[in-house]
PDB file of N, CA and C in Angstrom:
ATOM      1  N   GLU A   1       0.712  -1.125   0.090  1.00  0.00           N
ATOM      2  CA  GLU A   1      -0.003  -0.022   0.100  1.00  0.00           C
ATOM      3  C   GLU A   1       0.658   1.223   0.115  1.00  0.00           C
ATOM      4  N   GLN A   2       0.657   2.268  -1.039  1.00  0.00           N
ATOM      5  CA  GLN A   2       1.325   3.196  -0.876  1.00  0.00           C
ATOM      6  C   GLN A   2       0.840   4.325  -0.576  1.00  0.00           C
ATOM      7  N   LYS A   3       0.885   5.023   0.263  1.00  0.00           N
ATOM      8  CA  LYS A   3       0.420   6.276   1.111  1.00  0.00           C
ATOM      9  C   LYS A   3       1.260   7.540   0.990  1.00  0.00           C
ATOM     10  N   LEU A   4       0.227   8.888   0.488  1.00  0.00           N
ATOM     11  CA  LEU A   4       0.918  10.285   0.551  1.00  0.00           C
ATOM     12  C   LEU A   4      -0.187  10.939   1.360  1.00  0.00           C
ATOM     13  N   THR A   5       0.555  12.058   2.317  1.00  0.00           N
ATOM     14  CA  THR A   5      -0.463  12.690   3.459  1.00  0.00           C
ATOM     15  C   THR A   5      -0.234  14.494   2.571  1.00  0.00           C
ATOM     16  N   PHE A   6      -0.926  14.751   2.309  1.00  0.00           N
ATOM     17  CA  PHE A   6      -1.434  16.441   1.855  1.00  0.00           C
ATOM     18  C   PHE A   6      -1.776  17.030   2.685  1.00  0.00           C
ATOM     19  N   THR A   7      -1.439  17.945   3.409  1.00  0.00           N
ATOM     20  CA  THR A   7      -1.781  19.045   4.144  1.00  0.00           C
ATOM     21  C   THR A   7      -1.890  20.646   3.597  1.00  0.00           C
ATOM     22  N   CYS A   8      -2.963  21.012   3.469  1.00  0.00           N
ATOM     23  CA  CYS A   8      -3.380  22.134   2.852  1.00  0.00           C
ATOM     24  C   CYS A   8      -3.407  22.989   4.282  1.00  0.00           C
ATOM     25  N   LYS A   9      -2.840  24.442   3.580  1.00  0.00           N
ATOM     26  CA  LYS A   9      -2.639  25.475   4.648  1.00  0.00           C
ATOM     27  C   LYS A   9      -2.906  26.854   4.299  1.00  0.00           C
ATOM     28  N   THR A  10      -3.771  27.739   4.564  1.00  0.00           N
ATOM     29  CA  THR A  10      -4.026  28.959   4.339  1.00  0.00           C
ATOM     30  C   THR A  10      -2.974  29.827   5.457  1.00  0.00           C
ATOM     31  N   GLY A  11      -2.049  30.382   4.726  1.00  0.00           N
ATOM     32  CA  GLY A  11      -1.164  31.031   5.583  1.00  0.00           C
ATOM     33  C   GLY A  11      -0.043  29.946   6.441  1.00  0.00           C
ATOM     34  N   SER A  12      -0.318  30.108   7.451  1.00  0.00           N
ATOM     35  CA  SER A  12       0.344  29.250   8.391  1.00  0.00           C
ATOM     36  C   SER A  12      -0.847  28.166   8.912  1.00  0.00           C
ATOM     37  N   THR A  13      -2.071  28.529   8.827  1.00  0.00           N
ATOM     38  CA  THR A  13      -3.205  27.486   9.504  1.00  0.00           C
ATOM     39  C   THR A  13      -3.660  26.324   8.656  1.00  0.00           C
ATOM     40  N   VAL A  14      -3.531  25.154   9.052  1.00  0.00           N
ATOM     41  CA  VAL A  14      -3.848  23.896   8.670  1.00  0.00           C
ATOM     42  C   VAL A  14      -5.405  23.992   8.335  1.00  0.00           C
ATOM     43  N   THR A  15      -5.806  23.755   7.271  1.00  0.00           N
ATOM     44  CA  THR A  15      -7.272  23.824   7.114  1.00  0.00           C
ATOM     45  C   THR A  15      -7.903  22.273   6.519  1.00  0.00           C
ATOM     46  N   ASP A  16      -7.038  21.569   6.047  1.00  0.00           N
ATOM     47  CA  ASP A  16      -7.722  20.065   5.848  1.00  0.00           C
ATOM     48  C   ASP A  16      -6.119  19.399   5.627  1.00  0.00           C
ATOM     49  N   THR A  17      -6.271  17.915   5.645  1.00  0.00           N
ATOM     50  CA  THR A  17      -5.410  16.853   5.605  1.00  0.00           C
ATOM     51  C   THR A  17      -6.166  16.125   5.084  1.00  0.00           C
ATOM     52  N   THR A  18      -5.144  15.498   3.317  1.00  0.00           N
ATOM     53  CA  THR A  18      -6.061  14.454   3.023  1.00  0.00           C
ATOM     54  C   THR A  18      -4.658  13.525   2.232  1.00  0.00           C
ATOM     55  N   ILE A  19      -5.401  12.356   2.856  1.00  0.00           N
ATOM     56  CA  ILE A  19      -4.764  10.749   2.955  1.00  0.00           C
ATOM     57  C   ILE A  19      -4.751  10.439   1.433  1.00  0.00           C
ATOM     58  N   PHE A  20      -3.592  10.256   0.485  1.00  0.00           N
ATOM     59  CA  PHE A  20      -3.763   9.543  -0.604  1.00  0.00           C
ATOM     60  C   PHE A  20      -3.530   8.154  -0.630  1.00  0.00           C
ATOM     61  N   ILE A  21      -4.331   7.007  -1.081  1.00  0.00           N
ATOM     62  CA  ILE A  21      -3.879   5.933  -1.051  1.00  0.00           C
ATOM     63  C   ILE A  21      -3.897   5.117  -2.413  1.00  0.00           C
ATOM     64  N   ALA A  22      -2.934   4.474  -2.746  1.00  0.00           N
ATOM     65  CA  ALA A  22      -2.550   3.985  -4.258  1.00  0.00           C
ATOM     66  C   ALA A  22      -3.311   2.561  -3.996  1.00  0.00           C
ATOM     67  N   MET A  23      -4.581   2.323  -4.650  1.00  0.00           N
ATOM     68  CA  MET A  23      -5.533   1.059  -4.770  1.00  0.00           C
ATOM     69  C   MET A  23      -4.610  -0.016  -5.447  1.00  0.00           C
ATOM     70  N   GLU A  24      -4.712   0.429  -6.725  1.00  0.00           N
ATOM     71  CA  GLU A  24      -4.331  -0.791  -7.843  1.00  0.00           C
ATOM     72  C   GLU A  24      -3.916   0.377  -9.039  1.00  0.00           C
ATOM     73  N   THR A  25      -2.808  -0.090  -9.488  1.00  0.00           N
ATOM     74  CA  THR A  25      -2.211   0.633 -10.490  1.00  0.00           C
ATOM     75  C   THR A  25      -1.376  -0.421 -11.449  1.00  0.00           C
ATOM     76  N   ASP A  26      -1.360  -0.216 -13.103  1.00  0.00           N
ATOM     77  CA  ASP A  26      -0.524  -0.712 -14.021  1.00  0.00           C
ATOM     78  C   ASP A  26       0.898  -0.163 -14.025  1.00  0.00           C
ATOM     79  N   TYR A  27       1.409   1.087 -13.265  1.00  0.00           N
ATOM     80  CA  TYR A  27       2.506   1.595 -13.097  1.00  0.00           C
ATOM     81  C   TYR A  27       2.803   2.199 -14.614  1.00  0.00           C
ATOM     82  N   GLU A  28       1.676   2.059 -15.525  1.00  0.00           N
ATOM     83  CA  GLU A  28       2.353   2.645 -17.006  1.00  0.00           C
ATOM     84  C   GLU A  28       1.052   3.813 -17.224  1.00  0.00           C
ATOM     85  N   ASP A  29      -0.319   3.348 -17.161  1.00  0.00           N
ATOM     86  CA  ASP A  29      -1.211   4.015 -17.556  1.00  0.00           C
ATOM     87  C   ASP A  29      -2.110   4.728 -16.425  1.00  0.00           C
ATOM     88  N   TYR A  30      -2.407   3.822 -15.850  1.00  0.00           N
ATOM     89  CA  TYR A  30      -3.538   4.081 -14.411  1.00  0.00           C
ATOM     90  C   TYR A  30      -3.268   3.865 -13.137  1.00  0.00           C
ATOM     91  N   ALA A  31      -3.973   4.582 -12.523  1.00  0.00           N
ATOM     92  CA  ALA A  31      -4.149   4.126 -10.964  1.00  0.00           C
ATOM     93  C   ALA A  31      -5.313   4.274 -10.298  1.00  0.00           C
ATOM     94  N   LEU A  32      -5.675   3.936  -9.317  1.00  0.00           N
ATOM     95  CA  LEU A  32      -6.683   3.969  -8.539  1.00  0.00           C
ATOM     96  C   LEU A  32      -6.807   4.164  -7.262  1.00  0.00           C
ATOM     97  N   TYR A  33      -6.866   5.462  -6.854  1.00  0.00           N
ATOM     98  CA  TYR A  33      -6.545   6.438  -5.535  1.00  0.00           C
ATOM     99  C   TYR A  33      -7.662   6.267  -4.442  1.00  0.00           C
ATOM    100  N   TYR A  34      -7.647   5.946  -3.309  1.00  0.00           N
ATOM    101  CA  TYR A  34      -8.665   6.093  -2.048  1.00  0.00           C
ATOM    102  C   TYR A  34      -7.902   7.694  -1.321  1.00  0.00           C
ATOM    103  N   LEU A  35      -8.799   8.575  -1.598  1.00  0.00           N
ATOM    104  CA  LEU A  35      -8.359  10.216  -0.683  1.00  0.00           C
ATOM    105  C   LEU A  35      -9.437   9.972   0.396  1.00  0.00           C
ATOM    106  N   CYS A  36      -8.991  10.258   1.554  1.00  0.00           N
ATOM    107  CA  CYS A  36      -9.600  10.566   3.150  1.00  0.00           C
ATOM    108  C   CYS A  36      -9.251  11.834   3.265  1.00  0.00           C
ATOM    109  N   THR A  37      -9.926  12.803   3.170  1.00  0.00           N
ATOM    110  CA  THR A  37      -9.911  14.447   3.548  1.00  0.00           C
ATOM    111  C   THR A  37     -10.666  14.830   5.115  1.00  0.00           C
ATOM    112  N   THR A  38      -9.587  15.591   6.065  1.00  0.00           N
ATOM    113  CA  THR A  38     -10.491  15.814   7.322  1.00  0.00           C
ATOM    114  C   THR A  38     -10.454  17.212   7.057  1.00  0.00           C
ATOM    115  N   VAL A  39     -11.360  17.664   7.420  1.00  0.00           N
ATOM    116  CA  VAL A  39     -11.206  19.289   7.585  1.00  0.00           C
ATOM    117  C   VAL A  39     -11.145  19.635   9.141  1.00  0.00           C
ATOM    118  N   LYS A  40     -10.298  20.415   9.534  1.00  0.00           N
ATOM    119  CA  LYS A  40      -9.394  21.073  10.498  1.00  0.00           C
ATOM    120  C   LYS A  40     -10.263  21.522  11.325  1.00  0.00           C
ATOM    121  N   SER A  41     -11.212  22.323  10.589  1.00  0.00           N
ATOM    122  CA  SER A  41     -12.453  22.879  11.723  1.00  0.00           C
ATOM    123  C   SER A  41     -13.144  22.700  12.610  1.00  0.00           C
ATOM    124  N   SER A  42     -13.709  21.562  11.910  1.00  0.00           N
ATOM    125  CA  SER A  42     -14.977  20.906  12.024  1.00  0.00           C
ATOM    126  C   SER A  42     -14.885  19.514  12.327  1.00  0.00           C
ATOM    127  N   GLY A  43     -13.756  18.686  11.770  1.00  0.00           N
ATOM    128  CA  GLY A  43     -13.268  17.497  12.130  1.00  0.00           C
ATOM    129  C   GLY A  43     -14.416  16.557  10.972  1.00  0.00           C
ATOM    130  N   ASP A  44     -14.814  17.327  10.249  1.00  0.00           N
ATOM    131  CA  ASP A  44     -15.897  16.141   9.360  1.00  0.00           C
ATOM    132  C   ASP A  44     -14.776  15.746   8.248  1.00  0.00           C
ATOM    133  N   MET A  45     -14.869  14.422   7.681  1.00  0.00           N
ATOM    134  CA  MET A  45     -14.428  13.444   7.210  1.00  0.00           C
ATOM    135  C   MET A  45     -15.026  13.127   5.925  1.00  0.00           C
ATOM    136  N   TYR A  46     -14.361  13.414   4.631  1.00  0.00           N
ATOM    137  CA  TYR A  46     -14.956  13.077   3.483  1.00  0.00           C
ATOM    138  C   TYR A  46     -13.929  12.015   2.779  1.00  0.00           C
ATOM    139  N   ASP A  47     -14.570  11.101   2.045  1.00  0.00           N
ATOM    140  CA  ASP A  47     -13.726   9.960   1.035  1.00  0.00           C
ATOM    141  C   ASP A  47     -14.170   9.928   0.063  1.00  0.00           C
ATOM    142  N   ASN A  48     -13.152  10.034  -1.219  1.00  0.00           N
ATOM    143  CA  ASN A  48     -13.553   9.677  -2.476  1.00  0.00           C
ATOM    144  C   ASN A  48     -12.646   9.049  -3.276  1.00  0.00           C
ATOM    145  N   TYR A  49     -12.907   8.425  -4.212  1.00  0.00           N
ATOM    146  CA  TYR A  49     -12.153   7.224  -5.350  1.00  0.00           C
ATOM    147  C   TYR A  49     -11.671   8.011  -6.433  1.00  0.00           C
ATOM    148  N   VAL A  50     -10.348   8.379  -6.847  1.00  0.00           N
ATOM    149  CA  VAL A  50     -10.303   8.856  -8.076  1.00  0.00           C
ATOM    150  C   VAL A  50      -9.336   7.626  -9.064  1.00  0.00           C
ATOM    151  N   VAL A  51      -9.397   8.042 -10.443  1.00  0.00           N
ATOM    152  CA  VAL A  51      -8.543   7.167 -11.350  1.00  0.00           C
ATOM    153  C   VAL A  51      -8.030   8.076 -12.307  1.00  0.00           C
ATOM    154  N   ALA A  52      -6.830   8.170 -11.847  1.00  0.00           N
ATOM    155  CA  ALA A  52      -5.834   9.074 -12.690  1.00  0.00           C
ATOM    156  C   ALA A  52      -4.972   8.468 -13.766  1.00  0.00           C
ATOM    157  N   ARG A  53      -5.198   8.832 -14.984  1.00  0.00           N
ATOM    158  CA  ARG A  53      -4.472   8.361 -16.381  1.00  0.00           C
ATOM    159  C   ARG A  53      -3.611   8.901 -17.174  1.00  0.00           C
ATOM    160  N   ARG A  54      -2.474   8.580 -17.579  1.00  0.00           N
ATOM    161  CA  ARG A  54      -1.623   9.171 -18.155  1.00  0.00           C
ATOM    162  C   ARG A  54      -1.982   9.223 -19.798  1.00  0.00           C
ATOM    163  N   SER A  55      -2.879   8.416 -20.039  1.00  0.00           N
ATOM    164  CA  SER A  55      -3.824   8.522 -21.694  1.00  0.00           C
ATOM    165  C   SER A  55      -4.723   9.682 -21.471  1.00  0.00           C
ATOM    166  N   GLN A  56      -4.968  10.098 -22.568  1.00  0.00           N
ATOM    167  CA  GLN A  56      -6.021  11.107 -22.857  1.00  0.00           C
ATOM    168  C   GLN A  56      -7.688  10.623 -22.613  1.00  0.00           C
ATOM    169  N   THR A  57      -7.955   9.540 -22.222  1.00  0.00           N
ATOM    170  CA  THR A  57      -9.105   9.046 -22.053  1.00  0.00           C
ATOM    171  C   THR A  57      -9.709   9.242 -20.692  1.00  0.00           C
ATOM    172  N   LYS A  58     -10.897   9.373 -20.848  1.00  0.00           N
ATOM    173  CA  LYS A  58     -11.677   9.553 -19.322  1.00  0.00           C
ATOM    174  C   LYS A  58     -12.447   7.991 -19.317  1.00  0.00           C
ATOM    175  N   GLU A  59     -12.064   7.086 -19.834  1.00  0.00           N
ATOM    176  CA  GLU A  59     -12.738   5.859 -19.629  1.00  0.00           C
ATOM    177  C   GLU A  59     -11.930   5.352 -18.634  1.00  0.00           C
ATOM    178  N   ILE A  60     -12.834   4.145 -17.536  1.00  0.00           N
ATOM    179  CA  ILE A  60     -12.012   3.473 -16.576  1.00  0.00           C
ATOM    180  C   ILE A  60     -11.465   2.435 -17.485  1.00  0.00           C
ATOM    181  N   PRO A  61     -10.320   1.886 -16.927  1.00  0.00           N
ATOM    182  CA  PRO A  61      -9.775   0.963 -17.797  1.00  0.00           C
ATOM    183  C   PRO A  61     -10.239  -0.147 -17.415  1.00  0.00           C
ATOM    184  N   GLU A  62     -10.093  -1.053 -18.146  1.00  0.00           N
ATOM    185  CA  GLU A  62     -10.917  -2.505 -18.401  1.00  0.00           C
ATOM    186  C   GLU A  62     -10.925  -3.180 -17.332  1.00  0.00           C
ATOM    187  N   LYS A  63      -9.351  -3.400 -16.836  1.00  0.00           N
ATOM    188  CA  LYS A  63      -8.613  -3.928 -15.478  1.00  0.00           C
ATOM    189  C   LYS A  63      -9.098  -3.078 -14.117  1.00  0.00           C
ATOM    190  N   LEU A  64      -9.576  -2.166 -14.503  1.00  0.00           N
ATOM    191  CA  LEU A  64     -10.280  -1.388 -12.874  1.00  0.00           C
ATOM    192  C   LEU A  64     -11.851  -1.412 -12.878  1.00  0.00           C
ATOM    193  N   LYS A  65     -12.362  -2.109 -14.243  1.00  0.00           N
ATOM    194  CA  LYS A  65     -14.068  -1.937 -13.869  1.00  0.00           C
ATOM    195  C   LYS A  65     -14.389  -2.869 -12.740  1.00  0.00           C
ATOM    196  N   SER A  66     -14.163  -3.848 -12.425  1.00  0.00           N
ATOM    197  CA  SER A  66     -14.741  -4.655 -11.584  1.00  0.00           C
ATOM    198  C   SER A  66     -14.572  -3.935 -10.076  1.00  0.00           C
ATOM    199  N   SER A  67     -13.382  -3.221  -9.739  1.00  0.00           N
ATOM    200  CA  SER A  67     -13.256  -2.260  -8.712  1.00  0.00           C
ATOM    201  C   SER A  67     -13.804  -1.468  -8.496  1.00  0.00           C
ATOM    202  N   THR A  68     -14.447  -0.709  -9.541  1.00  0.00           N
ATOM    203  CA  THR A  68     -14.885   0.601  -9.175  1.00  0.00           C
ATOM    204  C   THR A  68     -16.362   0.593  -9.941  1.00  0.00           C
ATOM    205  N   LYS A  69     -16.741  -0.362 -10.038  1.00  0.00           N
ATOM    206  CA  LYS A  69     -18.189  -0.919 -10.620  1.00  0.00           C
ATOM    207  C   LYS A  69     -19.380  -0.428  -9.549  1.00  0.00           C
ATOM    208  N   ASP A  70     -19.029  -0.338  -8.212  1.00  0.00           N
ATOM    209  CA  ASP A  70     -20.024   0.245  -7.122  1.00  0.00           C
ATOM    210  C   ASP A  70     -19.621   1.800  -6.374  1.00  0.00           C
ATOM    211  N   LEU A  71     -18.983   2.198  -7.118  1.00  0.00           N
ATOM    212  CA  LEU A  71     -18.688   3.406  -6.381  1.00  0.00           C
ATOM    213  C   LEU A  71     -19.084   4.572  -7.136  1.00  0.00           C
ATOM    214  N   ASP A  72     -19.971   4.513  -8.267  1.00  0.00           N
ATOM    215  CA  ASP A  72     -20.686   5.580  -8.695  1.00  0.00           C
ATOM    216  C   ASP A  72     -19.851   6.713  -9.402  1.00  0.00           C
ATOM    217  N   MET A  73     -19.022   6.566 -10.091  1.00  0.00           N
ATOM    218  CA  MET A  73     -18.086   7.430 -10.626  1.00  0.00           C
ATOM    219  C   MET A  73     -18.292   8.029 -11.644  1.00  0.00           C
ATOM    220  N   LYS A  74     -17.553   9.082 -11.838  1.00  0.00           N
ATOM    221  CA  LYS A  74     -18.521  10.159 -12.786  1.00  0.00           C
ATOM    222  C   LYS A  74     -17.015  11.058 -13.409  1.00  0.00           C
ATOM    223  N   PRO A  75     -16.890  11.059 -14.879  1.00  0.00           N
ATOM    224  CA  PRO A  75     -15.747  11.574 -15.422  1.00  0.00           C
ATOM    225  C   PRO A  75     -15.757  12.930 -15.103  1.00  0.00           C
ATOM    226  N   CYS A  76     -14.515  13.820 -14.933  1.00  0.00           N
ATOM    227  CA  CYS A  76     -14.751  15.232 -15.094  1.00  0.00           C
ATOM    228  C   CYS A  76     -13.201  15.607 -15.462  1.00  0.00           C
TER     229      CYS A  76
END
């Protein structure tokens, strides 16, 4: 499991922290990430899944379709 923590600040004040976890990747074209964000002021937590691709397509790679079928993912 690969994990990256991103801390967002306004000036020196932390506004939120997001943990990115690489769930699945082919190391050449795509990766499926799980993101968990905690808002500092309220303690609220939000989670998302993201498919990142090097190719210019917005399609979910065939190998990820079974992993993402229940996630209601939308292209952006």
